[in-house]
C-alpha atoms as a PDB file:
ATOM      1  CA  UNK A   1       1.027 -29.616 -87.707  1.00  0.00           C
ATOM      2  CA  UNK A   2       2.563 -29.831 -84.253  1.00  0.00           C
ATOM      3  CA  UNK A   3       1.422 -32.854 -82.276  1.00  0.00           C
ATOM      4  CA  UNK A   4       0.491 -30.658 -79.294  1.00  0.00           C
ATOM      5  CA  UNK A   5      -1.732 -28.277 -81.280  1.00  0.00           C
ATOM      6  CA  UNK A   6      -5.194 -27.939 -79.757  1.00  0.00           C
ATOM      7  CA  UNK A   7      -7.708 -26.150 -81.972  1.00  0.00           C
ATOM      8  CA  UNK A   8     -10.058 -25.646 -78.994  1.00  0.00           C
ATOM      9  CA  UNK A   9      -7.636 -23.024 -77.704  1.00  0.00           C
ATOM     10  CA  UNK A  10      -8.648 -20.703 -80.556  1.00  0.00           C
ATOM     11  CA  UNK A  11     -10.971 -18.032 -79.181  1.00  0.00           C
ATOM     12  CA  UNK A  12     -14.441 -18.282 -80.733  1.00  0.00           C
ATOM     13  CA  UNK A  13     -14.601 -14.489 -81.055  1.00  0.00           C
ATOM     14  CA  UNK A  14     -12.299 -14.810 -84.079  1.00  0.00           C
ATOM     15  CA  UNK A  15     -14.672 -17.076 -86.010  1.00  0.00           C
ATOM     16  CA  UNK A  16     -16.473 -14.042 -87.398  1.00  0.00           C
ATOM     17  CA  UNK A  17     -14.827 -12.154 -90.239  1.00  0.00           C
ATOM     18  CA  UNK A  18     -16.477  -8.934 -89.117  1.00  0.00           C
ATOM     19  CA  UNK A  19     -15.241  -9.254 -85.517  1.00  0.00           C
ATOM     20  CA  UNK A  20     -11.753 -10.093 -86.720  1.00  0.00           C
ATOM     21  CA  UNK A  21     -11.870  -7.113 -89.070  1.00  0.00           C
ATOM     22  CA  UNK A  22     -13.087  -4.827 -86.276  1.00  0.00           C
ATOM     23  CA  UNK A  23     -10.284  -5.876 -83.970  1.00  0.00           C
ATOM     24  CA  UNK A  24      -7.761  -5.467 -86.783  1.00  0.00           C
ATOM     25  CA  UNK A  25      -9.014  -1.955 -87.491  1.00  0.00           C
ATOM     26  CA  UNK A  26      -9.023  -1.006 -83.815  1.00  0.00           C
ATOM     27  CA  UNK A  27      -5.423  -2.193 -83.483  1.00  0.00           C
ATOM     28  CA  UNK A  28      -4.369   0.484 -85.951  1.00  0.00           C
ATOM     29  CA  UNK A  29      -6.191   3.502 -84.487  1.00  0.00           C
ATOM     30  CA  UNK A  30      -6.475   5.113 -81.076  1.00  0.00           C
ATOM     31  CA  UNK A  31     -10.276   5.007 -81.312  1.00  0.00           C
ATOM     32  CA  UNK A  32     -12.867   4.776 -84.051  1.00  0.00           C
ATOM     33  CA  UNK A  33     -16.357   6.120 -84.497  1.00  0.00           C
ATOM     34  CA  UNK A  34     -19.231   3.758 -85.328  1.00  0.00           C
ATOM     35  CA  UNK A  35     -19.680   5.291 -88.789  1.00  0.00           C
ATOM     36  CA  UNK A  36     -15.974   4.758 -89.581  1.00  0.00           C
ATOM     37  CA  UNK A  37     -16.217   1.074 -88.586  1.00  0.00           C
ATOM     38  CA  UNK A  38     -19.401   0.710 -90.616  1.00  0.00           C
ATOM     39  CA  UNK A  39     -17.722   2.188 -93.679  1.00  0.00           C
ATOM     40  CA  UNK A  40     -14.652  -0.035 -93.334  1.00  0.00           C
ATOM     41  CA  UNK A  41     -16.570  -3.290 -92.755  1.00  0.00           C
ATOM     42  CA  UNK A  42     -19.515  -2.547 -95.083  1.00  0.00           C
ATOM     43  CA  UNK A  43     -21.807  -3.978 -92.375  1.00  0.00           C
ATOM     44  CA  UNK A  44     -25.347  -2.849 -91.654  1.00  0.00           C
ATOM     45  CA  UNK A  45     -26.029  -0.896 -88.463  1.00  0.00           C
ATOM     46  CA  UNK A  46     -27.697  -3.861 -86.783  1.00  0.00           C
ATOM     47  CA  UNK A  47     -25.076  -6.398 -87.796  1.00  0.00           C
ATOM     48  CA  UNK A  48     -22.214  -4.119 -86.785  1.00  0.00           C
ATOM     49  CA  UNK A  49     -23.901  -3.311 -83.469  1.00  0.00           C
ATOM     50  CA  UNK A  50     -24.334  -7.001 -82.662  1.00  0.00           C
ATOM     51  CA  UNK A  51     -20.677  -7.771 -83.374  1.00  0.00           C
ATOM     52  CA  UNK A  52     -19.482  -4.765 -81.374  1.00  0.00           C
ATOM     53  CA  UNK A  53     -21.661  -5.885 -78.454  1.00  0.00           C
ATOM     54  CA  UNK A  54     -20.091  -9.351 -78.570  1.00  0.00           C
ATOM     55  CA  UNK A  55     -16.605  -7.797 -78.476  1.00  0.00           C
ATOM     56  CA  UNK A  56     -17.656  -5.514 -75.633  1.00  0.00           C
ATOM     57  CA  UNK A  57     -19.086  -8.457 -73.658  1.00  0.00           C
ATOM     58  CA  UNK A  58     -15.754 -10.256 -74.091  1.00  0.00           C
ATOM     59  CA  UNK A  59     -14.037  -7.088 -72.804  1.00  0.00           C
ATOM     60  CA  UNK A  60     -11.991  -6.825 -76.003  1.00  0.00           C
ATOM     61  CA  UNK A  61     -13.216  -3.306 -76.727  1.00  0.00           C
ATOM     62  CA  UNK A  62     -14.420  -0.282 -74.788  1.00  0.00           C
ATOM     63  CA  UNK A  63     -17.170   2.102 -75.834  1.00  0.00           C
ATOM     64  CA  UNK A  64     -17.320   5.794 -75.155  1.00  0.00           C
ATOM     65  CA  UNK A  65     -20.626   7.505 -75.918  1.00  0.00           C
ATOM     66  CA  UNK A  66     -20.828  11.273 -76.366  1.00  0.00           C
ATOM     67  CA  UNK A  67     -23.084  13.880 -77.835  1.00  0.00           C
ATOM     68  CA  UNK A  68     -21.661  15.999 -80.621  1.00  0.00           C
ATOM     69  CA  UNK A  69     -23.928  18.751 -81.920  1.00  0.00           C
ATOM     70  CA  UNK A  70     -26.781  17.090 -79.997  1.00  0.00           C
ATOM     71  CA  UNK A  71     -26.269  13.796 -81.798  1.00  0.00           C
ATOM     72  CA  UNK A  72     -25.151  10.618 -80.037  1.00  0.00           C
ATOM     73  CA  UNK A  73     -21.753   9.401 -81.219  1.00  0.00           C
ATOM     74  CA  UNK A  74     -20.089   6.157 -80.145  1.00  0.00           C
ATOM     75  CA  UNK A  75     -16.330   5.705 -80.136  1.00  0.00           C
ATOM     76  CA  UNK A  76     -14.612   2.320 -79.798  1.00  0.00           C
ATOM     77  CA  UNK A  77     -11.114   1.326 -78.786  1.00  0.00           C
ATOM     78  CA  UNK A  78      -9.381  -1.978 -78.187  1.00  0.00           C
ATOM     79  CA  UNK A  79      -8.554  -2.983 -74.619  1.00  0.00           C
ATOM     80  CA  UNK A  80      -5.373  -4.594 -73.352  1.00  0.00           C
ATOM     81  CA  UNK A  81      -7.333  -7.849 -73.050  1.00  0.00           C
ATOM     82  CA  UNK A  82      -8.289  -7.486 -76.727  1.00  0.00           C
ATOM     83  CA  UNK A  83      -4.672  -6.924 -77.734  1.00  0.00           C
ATOM     84  CA  UNK A  84      -3.536  -9.993 -75.781  1.00  0.00           C
ATOM     85  CA  UNK A  85      -6.277 -12.126 -77.318  1.00  0.00           C
ATOM     86  CA  UNK A  86      -5.122 -11.183 -80.818  1.00  0.00           C
ATOM     87  CA  UNK A  87      -1.516 -12.008 -79.917  1.00  0.00           C
ATOM     88  CA  UNK A  88      -2.647 -15.416 -78.621  1.00  0.00           C
ATOM     89  CA  UNK A  89      -4.734 -15.993 -81.743  1.00  0.00           C
ATOM     90  CA  UNK A  90      -1.792 -15.238 -84.018  1.00  0.00           C
ATOM     91  CA  UNK A  91       0.494 -17.489 -81.974  1.00  0.00           C
ATOM     92  CA  UNK A  92      -1.969 -20.363 -82.279  1.00  0.00           C
ATOM     93  CA  UNK A  93      -2.256 -19.843 -86.037  1.00  0.00           C
ATOM     94  CA  UNK A  94       1.517 -19.862 -86.344  1.00  0.00           C
ATOM     95  CA  UNK A  95       1.602 -23.149 -84.422  1.00  0.00           C
ATOM     96  CA  UNK A  96      -1.112 -24.577 -86.641  1.00  0.00           C
ATOM     97  CA  UNK A  97       0.848 -23.754 -89.771  1.00  0.00           C
ATOM     98  CA  UNK A  98       4.162 -24.836 -88.279  1.00  0.00           C
ATOM     99  CA  UNK A  99       5.732 -21.380 -88.148  1.00  0.00           C
ATOM    100  CA  UNK A 100       6.996 -21.703 -84.546  1.00  0.00           C
END
C-alpha cells in the first residue's frame, strides 16, 4: 500500500453495493427507467428509491419524470459529477492495491 494512501478520500456513496451497482448500470446506458433498475438490482421499491434519492442528493444522477399512458415513469441518468466521482473512486482503489 502506498504510504500516502488516505482511505478517507473514498466517497461514502460507494459504501453501498446497491448505489455502486446503480452507478455502474447508469454508466452503460443513456438513461434507465426505475423498473429496469429494480430488475437489475433486485431491490425493493422503497430500498431502491432511498438509494436513488441519496445519489440524486449527491448530484451523481438526474431524474426525469414523465407520464406514459397516464402512468408516472421515472428515468435516471448519470451526471458528469457522477462520472468523475467513479473515476476518482477507481483511481483510489488502484492506489490502495498498488496498481498506480
